[in-house]
Amino acid sequence: MPVYISRICIVLSLYPEIKMNMDSKKNVLLVEDAKMIQDRLKCMLEKSPKLGTLYIAGNYEEAREVLSHQWIDLAILDINLPGRSGIEVLRYIKKEFGHVHAIMLTNEWAGVYRRMCLELGAEQFFDKSSDFNKIAQFLEEL
């Protein structure tokens, strides 16, 4: 057995909660102000066996509130939110909750937004009009 595999096995045997967390359901925070998009994503994500709890926030402040009280594994962020943008939510998440995977779901498909979000730590940048199904696939792969 290669050395790195045996080390992983030792760590998992000493800390079984790590393996449990690797196999467990994922808590998702959706930050989206449009009710229709919230409902569509909720319906789609609830079909996933990997979904733990889905939290929904309509703006930056609600997102911070959820993040401060709940363990979140994946954040799905719209860019255009009332008040502070989804890019600001992304900055906050990456500064305060580095373990959270973040993806952008937006109609703002301009290259400057995509580049900025990826540089700030977003793992994917999805178009609302054509990439909806990719979100469930991303959750399955976490």
N, C-alpha and C. Protein backbone atom coordinates (compact mmCIF):
# COMPACT_ATOMS: atom_id res chain seq x y z
N MET A 1 0.86 -1.19 0.00
CA MET A 1 0.00 0.00 0.00
C MET A 1 0.90 1.24 0.00
N PRO A 2 0.66 2.18 -0.91
CA PRO A 2 1.48 3.40 -0.92
C PRO A 2 1.41 4.12 0.43
N VAL A 3 2.46 4.85 0.74
CA VAL A 3 2.59 5.52 2.02
C VAL A 3 1.44 6.50 2.27
N TYR A 4 1.08 7.29 1.24
CA TYR A 4 0.04 8.31 1.44
C TYR A 4 -1.32 7.67 1.74
N ILE A 5 -1.60 6.51 1.16
CA ILE A 5 -2.88 5.84 1.45
C ILE A 5 -2.87 5.31 2.87
N SER A 6 -1.76 4.74 3.31
CA SER A 6 -1.72 4.23 4.68
C SER A 6 -1.84 5.36 5.68
N ARG A 7 -1.27 6.53 5.38
CA ARG A 7 -1.39 7.67 6.29
C ARG A 7 -2.85 8.14 6.37
N ILE A 8 -3.53 8.15 5.24
CA ILE A 8 -4.95 8.52 5.24
C ILE A 8 -5.74 7.53 6.08
N CYS A 9 -5.46 6.24 5.93
CA CYS A 9 -6.17 5.22 6.72
C CYS A 9 -5.92 5.40 8.21
N ILE A 10 -4.70 5.74 8.58
CA ILE A 10 -4.38 5.96 10.00
C ILE A 10 -5.15 7.16 10.53
N VAL A 11 -5.16 8.26 9.77
CA VAL A 11 -5.88 9.46 10.20
C VAL A 11 -7.36 9.15 10.36
N LEU A 12 -7.94 8.45 9.39
CA LEU A 12 -9.37 8.13 9.47
C LEU A 12 -9.67 7.20 10.62
N SER A 13 -8.75 6.29 10.96
CA SER A 13 -9.00 5.40 12.09
C SER A 13 -8.88 6.15 13.42
N LEU A 14 -8.00 7.15 13.49
CA LEU A 14 -7.84 7.93 14.71
C LEU A 14 -8.94 8.98 14.87
N TYR A 15 -9.44 9.49 13.76
CA TYR A 15 -10.44 10.54 13.78
C TYR A 15 -11.63 10.15 12.91
N PRO A 16 -12.48 9.25 13.38
CA PRO A 16 -13.59 8.77 12.54
C PRO A 16 -14.56 9.86 12.13
N GLU A 17 -14.61 10.97 12.87
CA GLU A 17 -15.53 12.06 12.49
C GLU A 17 -15.14 12.68 11.15
N ILE A 18 -13.86 12.59 10.76
CA ILE A 18 -13.45 13.09 9.46
C ILE A 18 -14.12 12.29 8.36
N LYS A 19 -14.08 10.96 8.46
CA LYS A 19 -14.73 10.12 7.45
C LYS A 19 -16.23 10.36 7.46
N MET A 20 -16.81 10.51 8.66
CA MET A 20 -18.24 10.76 8.73
C MET A 20 -18.59 12.04 7.99
N ASN A 21 -17.79 13.10 8.18
CA ASN A 21 -18.06 14.36 7.50
C ASN A 21 -17.86 14.25 5.99
N MET A 22 -16.94 13.39 5.56
CA MET A 22 -16.72 13.22 4.13
C MET A 22 -17.91 12.55 3.46
N ASP A 23 -18.60 11.68 4.20
CA ASP A 23 -19.71 10.93 3.64
C ASP A 23 -21.06 11.57 3.93
N SER A 24 -21.10 12.59 4.76
CA SER A 24 -22.37 13.11 5.24
C SER A 24 -23.05 14.02 4.24
N LYS A 25 -24.27 14.33 4.56
CA LYS A 25 -25.05 15.26 3.75
C LYS A 25 -24.47 16.67 3.89
N LYS A 26 -24.72 17.50 2.92
CA LYS A 26 -24.14 18.84 2.89
C LYS A 26 -25.21 19.89 3.12
N ASN A 27 -24.91 20.82 4.00
CA ASN A 27 -25.80 21.96 4.24
C ASN A 27 -25.50 23.04 3.21
N VAL A 28 -26.56 23.57 2.62
CA VAL A 28 -26.43 24.52 1.52
C VAL A 28 -27.10 25.84 1.90
N LEU A 29 -26.41 26.93 1.61
CA LEU A 29 -26.98 28.26 1.76
C LEU A 29 -27.19 28.83 0.36
N LEU A 30 -28.43 29.15 0.04
CA LEU A 30 -28.78 29.80 -1.21
C LEU A 30 -29.01 31.27 -0.93
N VAL A 31 -28.24 32.14 -1.56
CA VAL A 31 -28.40 33.58 -1.39
C VAL A 31 -28.93 34.13 -2.72
N GLU A 32 -30.23 34.34 -2.75
CA GLU A 32 -30.95 34.71 -3.98
C GLU A 32 -32.18 35.49 -3.57
N ASP A 33 -32.41 36.64 -4.22
CA ASP A 33 -33.56 37.46 -3.84
C ASP A 33 -34.82 37.15 -4.64
N ALA A 34 -34.72 36.48 -5.76
CA ALA A 34 -35.89 36.18 -6.59
C ALA A 34 -36.59 34.91 -6.10
N LYS A 35 -37.82 35.06 -5.65
CA LYS A 35 -38.59 33.93 -5.11
C LYS A 35 -38.72 32.79 -6.12
N MET A 36 -38.93 33.12 -7.38
CA MET A 36 -39.09 32.09 -8.40
C MET A 36 -37.81 31.24 -8.53
N ILE A 37 -36.66 31.88 -8.48
CA ILE A 37 -35.38 31.16 -8.56
C ILE A 37 -35.17 30.35 -7.28
N GLN A 38 -35.49 30.93 -6.14
CA GLN A 38 -35.40 30.19 -4.87
C GLN A 38 -36.21 28.90 -4.94
N ASP A 39 -37.46 29.02 -5.39
CA ASP A 39 -38.34 27.85 -5.45
C ASP A 39 -37.83 26.80 -6.43
N ARG A 40 -37.35 27.25 -7.57
CA ARG A 40 -36.85 26.31 -8.58
C ARG A 40 -35.62 25.56 -8.06
N LEU A 41 -34.70 26.28 -7.43
CA LEU A 41 -33.51 25.63 -6.87
C LEU A 41 -33.86 24.72 -5.71
N LYS A 42 -34.76 25.17 -4.87
CA LYS A 42 -35.18 24.35 -3.73
C LYS A 42 -35.74 23.02 -4.22
N CYS A 43 -36.62 23.07 -5.20
CA CYS A 43 -37.22 21.86 -5.76
C CYS A 43 -36.14 20.93 -6.32
N MET A 44 -35.20 21.49 -7.03
CA MET A 44 -34.14 20.69 -7.64
C MET A 44 -33.20 20.10 -6.58
N LEU A 45 -32.76 20.91 -5.64
CA LEU A 45 -31.80 20.46 -4.63
C LEU A 45 -32.40 19.44 -3.67
N GLU A 46 -33.68 19.57 -3.38
CA GLU A 46 -34.32 18.63 -2.44
C GLU A 46 -34.38 17.21 -3.00
N LYS A 47 -34.16 17.04 -4.27
CA LYS A 47 -34.12 15.70 -4.87
C LYS A 47 -32.77 15.02 -4.66
N SER A 48 -31.78 15.78 -4.25
CA SER A 48 -30.43 15.24 -4.08
C SER A 48 -30.29 14.49 -2.76
N PRO A 49 -29.77 13.28 -2.79
CA PRO A 49 -29.52 12.55 -1.54
C PRO A 49 -28.39 13.17 -0.72
N LYS A 50 -27.61 14.06 -1.32
CA LYS A 50 -26.51 14.71 -0.60
C LYS A 50 -26.94 15.95 0.17
N LEU A 51 -28.17 16.44 -0.06
CA LEU A 51 -28.62 17.65 0.61
C LEU A 51 -28.96 17.37 2.07
N GLY A 52 -28.32 18.14 2.95
CA GLY A 52 -28.68 18.11 4.37
C GLY A 52 -29.82 19.08 4.58
N THR A 53 -29.47 20.30 4.98
CA THR A 53 -30.46 21.35 5.18
C THR A 53 -30.19 22.46 4.17
N LEU A 54 -31.26 22.98 3.59
CA LEU A 54 -31.16 24.11 2.68
C LEU A 54 -31.60 25.36 3.41
N TYR A 55 -30.72 26.35 3.49
CA TYR A 55 -31.03 27.64 4.09
C TYR A 55 -31.13 28.65 2.95
N ILE A 56 -32.10 29.54 3.05
CA ILE A 56 -32.31 30.54 2.00
C ILE A 56 -32.20 31.94 2.60
N ALA A 57 -31.39 32.77 1.95
CA ALA A 57 -31.25 34.17 2.35
C ALA A 57 -31.50 35.03 1.13
N GLY A 58 -32.15 36.15 1.33
CA GLY A 58 -32.48 37.03 0.22
C GLY A 58 -31.53 38.20 0.04
N ASN A 59 -30.58 38.36 0.99
CA ASN A 59 -29.64 39.48 0.90
C ASN A 59 -28.41 39.20 1.76
N TYR A 60 -27.46 40.12 1.74
CA TYR A 60 -26.19 39.98 2.44
C TYR A 60 -26.40 39.78 3.95
N GLU A 61 -27.23 40.60 4.55
CA GLU A 61 -27.43 40.52 6.01
C GLU A 61 -28.02 39.17 6.42
N GLU A 62 -29.01 38.69 5.67
CA GLU A 62 -29.60 37.38 5.98
C GLU A 62 -28.56 36.27 5.81
N ALA A 63 -27.71 36.38 4.80
CA ALA A 63 -26.66 35.39 4.58
C ALA A 63 -25.69 35.36 5.76
N ARG A 64 -25.28 36.53 6.23
CA ARG A 64 -24.38 36.59 7.40
C ARG A 64 -25.03 35.97 8.63
N GLU A 65 -26.31 36.20 8.80
CA GLU A 65 -27.03 35.64 9.95
C GLU A 65 -27.01 34.11 9.91
N VAL A 66 -27.31 33.56 8.75
CA VAL A 66 -27.29 32.09 8.61
C VAL A 66 -25.88 31.57 8.86
N LEU A 67 -24.89 32.18 8.23
CA LEU A 67 -23.51 31.72 8.37
C LEU A 67 -23.02 31.78 9.82
N SER A 68 -23.51 32.73 10.57
CA SER A 68 -23.05 32.86 11.96
C SER A 68 -23.68 31.84 12.90
N HIS A 69 -24.74 31.18 12.46
CA HIS A 69 -25.44 30.24 13.34
C HIS A 69 -25.51 28.81 12.82
N GLN A 70 -25.16 28.57 11.56
CA GLN A 70 -25.30 27.24 10.98
C GLN A 70 -24.01 26.82 10.29
N TRP A 71 -23.75 25.50 10.30
CA TRP A 71 -22.63 24.97 9.54
C TRP A 71 -23.07 24.89 8.09
N ILE A 72 -22.33 25.54 7.20
CA ILE A 72 -22.65 25.54 5.78
C ILE A 72 -21.49 24.91 5.03
N ASP A 73 -21.82 24.00 4.11
CA ASP A 73 -20.82 23.36 3.27
C ASP A 73 -20.72 24.00 1.90
N LEU A 74 -21.85 24.48 1.38
CA LEU A 74 -21.90 25.05 0.04
C LEU A 74 -22.77 26.29 0.04
N ALA A 75 -22.25 27.37 -0.54
CA ALA A 75 -23.04 28.59 -0.72
C ALA A 75 -23.25 28.81 -2.22
N ILE A 76 -24.50 29.03 -2.59
CA ILE A 76 -24.87 29.34 -3.97
C ILE A 76 -25.27 30.82 -3.96
N LEU A 77 -24.54 31.64 -4.70
CA LEU A 77 -24.68 33.08 -4.58
C LEU A 77 -25.09 33.74 -5.89
N ASP A 78 -26.11 34.57 -5.81
CA ASP A 78 -26.46 35.45 -6.93
C ASP A 78 -25.60 36.70 -6.78
N ILE A 79 -25.25 37.33 -7.88
CA ILE A 79 -24.46 38.57 -7.81
C ILE A 79 -25.33 39.76 -7.46
N ASN A 80 -26.46 39.90 -8.16
CA ASN A 80 -27.32 41.07 -7.95
C ASN A 80 -28.30 40.82 -6.82
N LEU A 81 -28.01 41.42 -5.69
CA LEU A 81 -28.87 41.33 -4.50
C LEU A 81 -29.24 42.74 -4.08
N PRO A 82 -30.34 42.88 -3.36
CA PRO A 82 -30.65 44.22 -2.83
C PRO A 82 -29.61 44.62 -1.78
N GLY A 83 -29.17 45.83 -1.84
CA GLY A 83 -28.15 46.28 -0.89
C GLY A 83 -26.77 45.83 -1.36
N ARG A 84 -26.12 45.04 -0.55
CA ARG A 84 -24.77 44.57 -0.87
C ARG A 84 -24.83 43.36 -1.80
N SER A 85 -23.87 43.26 -2.69
CA SER A 85 -23.91 42.25 -3.75
C SER A 85 -23.47 40.86 -3.29
N GLY A 86 -23.73 39.90 -4.15
CA GLY A 86 -23.27 38.53 -3.91
C GLY A 86 -21.76 38.42 -3.91
N ILE A 87 -21.10 39.34 -4.61
CA ILE A 87 -19.64 39.35 -4.58
C ILE A 87 -19.15 39.70 -3.18
N GLU A 88 -19.86 40.61 -2.52
CA GLU A 88 -19.50 40.94 -1.13
C GLU A 88 -19.78 39.76 -0.20
N VAL A 89 -20.85 39.01 -0.46
CA VAL A 89 -21.10 37.79 0.32
C VAL A 89 -19.96 36.81 0.12
N LEU A 90 -19.52 36.65 -1.13
CA LEU A 90 -18.40 35.76 -1.43
C LEU A 90 -17.14 36.18 -0.67
N ARG A 91 -16.83 37.47 -0.68
CA ARG A 91 -15.65 37.96 0.06
C ARG A 91 -15.76 37.62 1.55
N TYR A 92 -16.93 37.85 2.10
CA TYR A 92 -17.16 37.57 3.52
C TYR A 92 -16.97 36.07 3.81
N ILE A 93 -17.55 35.24 2.99
CA ILE A 93 -17.45 33.80 3.20
C ILE A 93 -15.99 33.36 3.15
N LYS A 94 -15.26 33.80 2.16
CA LYS A 94 -13.88 33.35 2.01
C LYS A 94 -12.98 33.90 3.12
N LYS A 95 -13.33 35.05 3.67
CA LYS A 95 -12.54 35.61 4.77
C LYS A 95 -12.86 34.92 6.10
N GLU A 96 -14.13 34.66 6.36
CA GLU A 96 -14.54 34.17 7.67
C GLU A 96 -14.82 32.67 7.73
N PHE A 97 -15.15 32.05 6.61
CA PHE A 97 -15.55 30.65 6.58
C PHE A 97 -14.88 29.94 5.41
N GLY A 98 -13.58 29.81 5.50
CA GLY A 98 -12.79 29.27 4.40
C GLY A 98 -13.17 27.88 3.95
N HIS A 99 -13.82 27.11 4.81
CA HIS A 99 -14.21 25.74 4.44
C HIS A 99 -15.41 25.70 3.50
N VAL A 100 -16.14 26.80 3.38
CA VAL A 100 -17.37 26.82 2.59
C VAL A 100 -17.04 26.86 1.10
N HIS A 101 -17.58 25.92 0.36
CA HIS A 101 -17.49 25.94 -1.10
C HIS A 101 -18.47 27.00 -1.58
N ALA A 102 -18.08 27.77 -2.59
CA ALA A 102 -18.95 28.83 -3.09
C ALA A 102 -19.05 28.75 -4.60
N ILE A 103 -20.28 28.86 -5.09
CA ILE A 103 -20.51 28.94 -6.52
C ILE A 103 -21.41 30.14 -6.80
N MET A 104 -21.23 30.71 -7.95
CA MET A 104 -22.03 31.86 -8.36
C MET A 104 -23.08 31.39 -9.36
N LEU A 105 -24.31 31.87 -9.19
CA LEU A 105 -25.40 31.59 -10.12
C LEU A 105 -26.01 32.94 -10.47
N THR A 106 -25.85 33.36 -11.72
CA THR A 106 -26.23 34.73 -12.04
C THR A 106 -26.56 34.91 -13.51
N ASN A 107 -27.20 36.01 -13.81
CA ASN A 107 -27.40 36.43 -15.20
C ASN A 107 -26.28 37.36 -15.64
N GLU A 108 -25.43 37.76 -14.72
CA GLU A 108 -24.30 38.65 -15.01
C GLU A 108 -23.16 37.83 -15.57
N TRP A 109 -23.23 37.50 -16.83
CA TRP A 109 -22.29 36.57 -17.44
C TRP A 109 -21.04 37.26 -17.99
N ALA A 110 -20.91 38.56 -17.80
CA ALA A 110 -19.76 39.29 -18.33
C ALA A 110 -18.46 38.72 -17.77
N GLY A 111 -17.44 38.69 -18.62
CA GLY A 111 -16.15 38.11 -18.24
C GLY A 111 -15.54 38.74 -17.00
N VAL A 112 -15.76 40.03 -16.81
CA VAL A 112 -15.18 40.71 -15.65
C VAL A 112 -15.75 40.15 -14.35
N TYR A 113 -17.04 39.87 -14.31
CA TYR A 113 -17.65 39.28 -13.11
C TYR A 113 -17.13 37.87 -12.87
N ARG A 114 -17.09 37.10 -13.92
CA ARG A 114 -16.61 35.72 -13.82
C ARG A 114 -15.18 35.69 -13.28
N ARG A 115 -14.32 36.48 -13.88
CA ARG A 115 -12.91 36.52 -13.47
C ARG A 115 -12.79 36.97 -12.01
N MET A 116 -13.51 38.01 -11.64
CA MET A 116 -13.46 38.53 -10.28
C MET A 116 -13.90 37.48 -9.26
N CYS A 117 -15.00 36.81 -9.54
CA CYS A 117 -15.53 35.82 -8.59
C CYS A 117 -14.59 34.63 -8.45
N LEU A 118 -14.04 34.17 -9.56
CA LEU A 118 -13.11 33.05 -9.50
C LEU A 118 -11.84 33.44 -8.75
N GLU A 119 -11.38 34.66 -8.94
CA GLU A 119 -10.19 35.14 -8.21
C GLU A 119 -10.47 35.26 -6.72
N LEU A 120 -11.71 35.58 -6.36
CA LEU A 120 -12.07 35.71 -4.95
C LEU A 120 -12.33 34.36 -4.27
N GLY A 121 -12.37 33.29 -5.06
CA GLY A 121 -12.51 31.97 -4.45
C GLY A 121 -13.75 31.19 -4.84
N ALA A 122 -14.59 31.74 -5.71
CA ALA A 122 -15.73 30.94 -6.19
C ALA A 122 -15.19 29.76 -6.99
N GLU A 123 -15.80 28.62 -6.80
CA GLU A 123 -15.32 27.42 -7.50
C GLU A 123 -15.96 27.25 -8.87
N GLN A 124 -17.14 27.79 -9.03
CA GLN A 124 -17.83 27.72 -10.32
C GLN A 124 -18.62 29.00 -10.53
N PHE A 125 -18.93 29.26 -11.78
CA PHE A 125 -19.70 30.44 -12.16
C PHE A 125 -20.73 29.97 -13.15
N PHE A 126 -22.00 29.87 -12.71
CA PHE A 126 -23.06 29.30 -13.54
C PHE A 126 -24.03 30.37 -14.01
N ASP A 127 -24.51 30.21 -15.23
CA ASP A 127 -25.49 31.10 -15.84
C ASP A 127 -26.89 30.61 -15.47
N LYS A 128 -27.72 31.50 -14.94
CA LYS A 128 -29.09 31.13 -14.54
C LYS A 128 -29.90 30.60 -15.71
N SER A 129 -29.64 31.11 -16.89
CA SER A 129 -30.48 30.72 -18.02
C SER A 129 -30.12 29.37 -18.62
N SER A 130 -28.91 28.87 -18.35
CA SER A 130 -28.53 27.62 -19.02
C SER A 130 -27.84 26.58 -18.14
N ASP A 131 -27.43 26.93 -16.93
CA ASP A 131 -26.61 26.02 -16.13
C ASP A 131 -27.27 25.50 -14.86
N PHE A 132 -28.57 25.64 -14.74
CA PHE A 132 -29.26 25.26 -13.50
C PHE A 132 -28.93 23.83 -13.07
N ASN A 133 -28.98 22.90 -13.99
CA ASN A 133 -28.78 21.49 -13.63
C ASN A 133 -27.37 21.20 -13.16
N LYS A 134 -26.42 22.04 -13.50
CA LYS A 134 -25.04 21.83 -13.07
C LYS A 134 -24.87 22.03 -11.57
N ILE A 135 -25.79 22.74 -10.95
CA ILE A 135 -25.69 22.99 -9.51
C ILE A 135 -25.89 21.68 -8.74
N ALA A 136 -26.90 20.91 -9.10
CA ALA A 136 -27.13 19.63 -8.43
C ALA A 136 -25.95 18.70 -8.63
N GLN A 137 -25.38 18.73 -9.82
CA GLN A 137 -24.21 17.90 -10.11
C GLN A 137 -23.02 18.32 -9.23
N PHE A 138 -22.84 19.63 -9.05
CA PHE A 138 -21.77 20.12 -8.18
C PHE A 138 -21.96 19.62 -6.75
N LEU A 139 -23.19 19.67 -6.25
CA LEU A 139 -23.49 19.19 -4.90
C LEU A 139 -23.17 17.70 -4.79
N GLU A 140 -23.54 16.93 -5.79
CA GLU A 140 -23.28 15.49 -5.76
C GLU A 140 -21.78 15.19 -5.69
N GLU A 141 -20.98 16.05 -6.28
CA GLU A 141 -19.54 15.82 -6.33
C GLU A 141 -18.80 16.31 -5.10
N LEU A 142 -19.47 17.02 -4.21
CA LEU A 142 -18.81 17.50 -2.98
C LEU A 142 -18.51 16.35 -2.05
